Amino acid sequence: MVSPLQTRIRAALDKEPDGMTVCHLTVALRSNPESIRKSLARMGDTYVDRWVKQGTQYCAVHCLAFVPEDCPHP
């Protein structure tokens, strides 16, 4: 089942082809970062494209993958 937050994350990532970090998604969606992390972990159509340094830590940049409807599960 797709949660409303997952739908909002997909819409935000669809508008940003270069991807977004959890921090960027938190600000854009005005949501809890832990909720966004959990939703991203359950979404099969997103992936980590790269890592960027923010301060002293590295953050994952999440992108939207375009998975065909008839694509079999791994």
N, C-alpha and C. Protein backbone atom coordinates (compact mmCIF):
# COMPACT_ATOMS: atom_id res chain seq x y z
N MET A 1 0.85 -1.18 0.00
CA MET A 1 0.00 0.00 0.00
C MET A 1 0.89 1.25 0.00
N VAL A 2 0.54 2.20 -0.80
CA VAL A 2 1.30 3.44 -0.93
C VAL A 2 0.77 4.46 0.07
N SER A 3 1.66 4.99 0.88
CA SER A 3 1.26 5.98 1.88
C SER A 3 1.18 7.36 1.24
N PRO A 4 0.44 8.27 1.85
CA PRO A 4 0.38 9.64 1.33
C PRO A 4 1.76 10.31 1.29
N LEU A 5 2.62 10.00 2.27
CA LEU A 5 3.96 10.57 2.28
C LEU A 5 4.77 10.06 1.09
N GLN A 6 4.64 8.77 0.77
CA GLN A 6 5.34 8.23 -0.39
C GLN A 6 4.90 8.92 -1.68
N THR A 7 3.61 9.21 -1.79
CA THR A 7 3.09 9.91 -2.96
C THR A 7 3.69 11.31 -3.05
N ARG A 8 3.80 11.99 -1.92
CA ARG A 8 4.39 13.33 -1.89
C ARG A 8 5.89 13.29 -2.20
N ILE A 9 6.58 12.26 -1.71
CA ILE A 9 8.01 12.11 -2.01
C ILE A 9 8.21 11.89 -3.50
N ARG A 10 7.39 11.02 -4.12
CA ARG A 10 7.49 10.78 -5.56
C ARG A 10 7.27 12.07 -6.35
N ALA A 11 6.29 12.85 -5.95
CA ALA A 11 6.01 14.10 -6.65
C ALA A 11 7.19 15.07 -6.53
N ALA A 12 7.78 15.15 -5.34
CA ALA A 12 8.92 16.05 -5.13
C ALA A 12 10.12 15.60 -5.94
N LEU A 13 10.41 14.29 -5.95
CA LEU A 13 11.54 13.78 -6.71
C LEU A 13 11.31 13.88 -8.21
N ASP A 14 10.06 13.80 -8.63
CA ASP A 14 9.74 13.93 -10.05
C ASP A 14 10.06 15.35 -10.55
N LYS A 15 9.91 16.33 -9.68
CA LYS A 15 10.20 17.72 -10.04
C LYS A 15 11.69 18.04 -10.01
N GLU A 16 12.48 17.20 -9.35
CA GLU A 16 13.92 17.42 -9.20
C GLU A 16 14.69 16.27 -9.84
N PRO A 17 14.98 16.33 -11.12
CA PRO A 17 15.67 15.22 -11.79
C PRO A 17 17.08 14.96 -11.26
N ASP A 18 17.69 15.95 -10.60
CA ASP A 18 19.02 15.76 -10.02
C ASP A 18 18.95 15.10 -8.65
N GLY A 19 17.75 14.88 -8.11
CA GLY A 19 17.57 14.21 -6.84
C GLY A 19 17.53 15.15 -5.66
N MET A 20 17.23 14.57 -4.50
CA MET A 20 17.12 15.34 -3.26
C MET A 20 17.62 14.50 -2.09
N THR A 21 18.20 15.18 -1.11
CA THR A 21 18.60 14.51 0.12
C THR A 21 17.39 14.46 1.06
N VAL A 22 17.54 13.69 2.13
CA VAL A 22 16.48 13.64 3.14
C VAL A 22 16.26 15.03 3.72
N CYS A 23 17.35 15.78 3.91
CA CYS A 23 17.24 17.15 4.43
C CYS A 23 16.40 18.02 3.50
N HIS A 24 16.66 17.94 2.20
CA HIS A 24 15.90 18.72 1.23
C HIS A 24 14.43 18.29 1.21
N LEU A 25 14.19 16.98 1.27
CA LEU A 25 12.81 16.49 1.28
C LEU A 25 12.09 16.93 2.55
N THR A 26 12.80 16.95 3.67
CA THR A 26 12.20 17.38 4.94
C THR A 26 11.69 18.81 4.84
N VAL A 27 12.50 19.68 4.27
CA VAL A 27 12.11 21.09 4.13
C VAL A 27 10.98 21.23 3.11
N ALA A 28 11.13 20.58 1.96
CA ALA A 28 10.14 20.71 0.89
C ALA A 28 8.78 20.17 1.29
N LEU A 29 8.77 19.07 2.03
CA LEU A 29 7.50 18.42 2.38
C LEU A 29 7.01 18.76 3.79
N ARG A 30 7.85 19.49 4.54
CA ARG A 30 7.52 19.83 5.93
C ARG A 30 7.12 18.58 6.71
N SER A 31 8.02 17.62 6.68
CA SER A 31 7.76 16.35 7.33
C SER A 31 8.94 15.96 8.21
N ASN A 32 8.75 14.94 9.00
CA ASN A 32 9.76 14.43 9.91
C ASN A 32 10.82 13.67 9.10
N PRO A 33 12.12 13.94 9.32
CA PRO A 33 13.15 13.25 8.55
C PRO A 33 13.15 11.73 8.73
N GLU A 34 12.82 11.27 9.91
CA GLU A 34 12.78 9.82 10.14
C GLU A 34 11.65 9.17 9.34
N SER A 35 10.51 9.85 9.23
CA SER A 35 9.40 9.34 8.41
C SER A 35 9.80 9.27 6.94
N ILE A 36 10.53 10.27 6.49
CA ILE A 36 10.98 10.28 5.10
C ILE A 36 11.97 9.15 4.87
N ARG A 37 12.91 8.94 5.79
CA ARG A 37 13.88 7.83 5.66
C ARG A 37 13.16 6.48 5.59
N LYS A 38 12.19 6.27 6.45
CA LYS A 38 11.45 5.00 6.47
C LYS A 38 10.66 4.81 5.19
N SER A 39 10.05 5.88 4.70
CA SER A 39 9.28 5.79 3.45
C SER A 39 10.20 5.48 2.28
N LEU A 40 11.35 6.15 2.21
CA LEU A 40 12.30 5.89 1.12
C LEU A 40 12.79 4.44 1.14
N ALA A 41 12.98 3.88 2.33
CA ALA A 41 13.44 2.50 2.45
C ALA A 41 12.42 1.51 1.91
N ARG A 42 11.13 1.87 1.97
CA ARG A 42 10.06 0.98 1.50
C ARG A 42 9.68 1.22 0.04
N MET A 43 10.25 2.25 -0.57
CA MET A 43 9.89 2.58 -1.95
C MET A 43 10.83 1.88 -2.93
N GLY A 44 10.26 1.05 -3.78
CA GLY A 44 11.05 0.31 -4.75
C GLY A 44 11.41 1.09 -5.99
N ASP A 45 10.86 2.29 -6.11
CA ASP A 45 11.12 3.08 -7.31
C ASP A 45 12.01 4.29 -7.05
N THR A 46 12.77 4.25 -5.95
CA THR A 46 13.76 5.29 -5.69
C THR A 46 15.11 4.61 -5.45
N TYR A 47 16.17 5.36 -5.65
CA TYR A 47 17.50 4.82 -5.44
C TYR A 47 18.45 5.94 -5.03
N VAL A 48 19.58 5.55 -4.43
CA VAL A 48 20.61 6.52 -4.06
C VAL A 48 21.50 6.71 -5.28
N ASP A 49 21.50 7.91 -5.81
CA ASP A 49 22.27 8.22 -7.01
C ASP A 49 23.73 8.53 -6.69
N ARG A 50 23.93 9.24 -5.60
CA ARG A 50 25.29 9.64 -5.22
C ARG A 50 25.26 10.13 -3.78
N TRP A 51 26.44 10.44 -3.27
CA TRP A 51 26.60 10.97 -1.92
C TRP A 51 27.22 12.35 -2.02
N VAL A 52 26.71 13.29 -1.23
CA VAL A 52 27.27 14.64 -1.21
C VAL A 52 27.67 14.98 0.23
N LYS A 53 28.71 15.75 0.34
CA LYS A 53 29.19 16.13 1.67
C LYS A 53 28.43 17.37 2.14
N GLN A 54 27.84 17.27 3.32
CA GLN A 54 27.15 18.39 3.95
C GLN A 54 27.74 18.54 5.34
N GLY A 55 28.55 19.57 5.50
CA GLY A 55 29.25 19.75 6.77
C GLY A 55 30.33 18.69 6.91
N THR A 56 30.23 17.90 7.97
CA THR A 56 31.21 16.85 8.21
C THR A 56 30.69 15.46 7.83
N GLN A 57 29.44 15.39 7.34
CA GLN A 57 28.83 14.11 7.00
C GLN A 57 28.51 14.03 5.52
N TYR A 58 28.29 12.81 5.05
CA TYR A 58 27.84 12.59 3.69
C TYR A 58 26.36 12.24 3.71
N CYS A 59 25.62 12.81 2.76
CA CYS A 59 24.19 12.56 2.66
C CYS A 59 23.87 11.93 1.32
N ALA A 60 22.96 10.98 1.33
CA ALA A 60 22.54 10.31 0.11
C ALA A 60 21.61 11.22 -0.69
N VAL A 61 21.81 11.25 -2.00
CA VAL A 61 20.91 11.98 -2.90
C VAL A 61 20.01 10.94 -3.55
N HIS A 62 18.72 11.02 -3.26
CA HIS A 62 17.74 10.06 -3.75
C HIS A 62 17.14 10.55 -5.06
N CYS A 63 16.97 9.62 -5.99
CA CYS A 63 16.35 9.92 -7.28
C CYS A 63 15.20 8.95 -7.51
N LEU A 64 14.36 9.34 -8.43
CA LEU A 64 13.22 8.52 -8.79
C LEU A 64 13.61 7.63 -9.96
N ALA A 65 13.39 6.33 -9.82
CA ALA A 65 13.67 5.38 -10.89
C ALA A 65 12.38 5.13 -11.66
N PHE A 66 12.51 4.94 -12.94
CA PHE A 66 11.34 4.64 -13.76
C PHE A 66 11.32 3.15 -14.03
N VAL A 67 10.53 2.43 -13.23
CA VAL A 67 10.43 0.98 -13.31
C VAL A 67 9.23 0.62 -14.16
N PRO A 68 9.43 -0.18 -15.22
CA PRO A 68 8.29 -0.57 -16.06
C PRO A 68 7.27 -1.38 -15.27
N GLU A 69 6.02 -1.26 -15.67
CA GLU A 69 4.94 -1.96 -14.97
C GLU A 69 5.14 -3.48 -14.96
N ASP A 70 5.69 -4.02 -16.04
CA ASP A 70 5.83 -5.47 -16.15
C ASP A 70 7.20 -5.98 -15.70
N CYS A 71 7.94 -5.14 -15.00
CA CYS A 71 9.28 -5.52 -14.54
C CYS A 71 9.15 -6.54 -13.40
N PRO A 72 9.82 -7.70 -13.52
CA PRO A 72 9.73 -8.69 -12.44
C PRO A 72 10.53 -8.25 -11.22
N HIS A 73 10.12 -8.74 -10.08
CA HIS A 73 10.85 -8.45 -8.84
C HIS A 73 12.15 -9.24 -8.83
N PRO A 74 13.20 -8.70 -8.21
CA PRO A 74 14.47 -9.44 -8.16
C PRO A 74 14.36 -10.71 -7.33
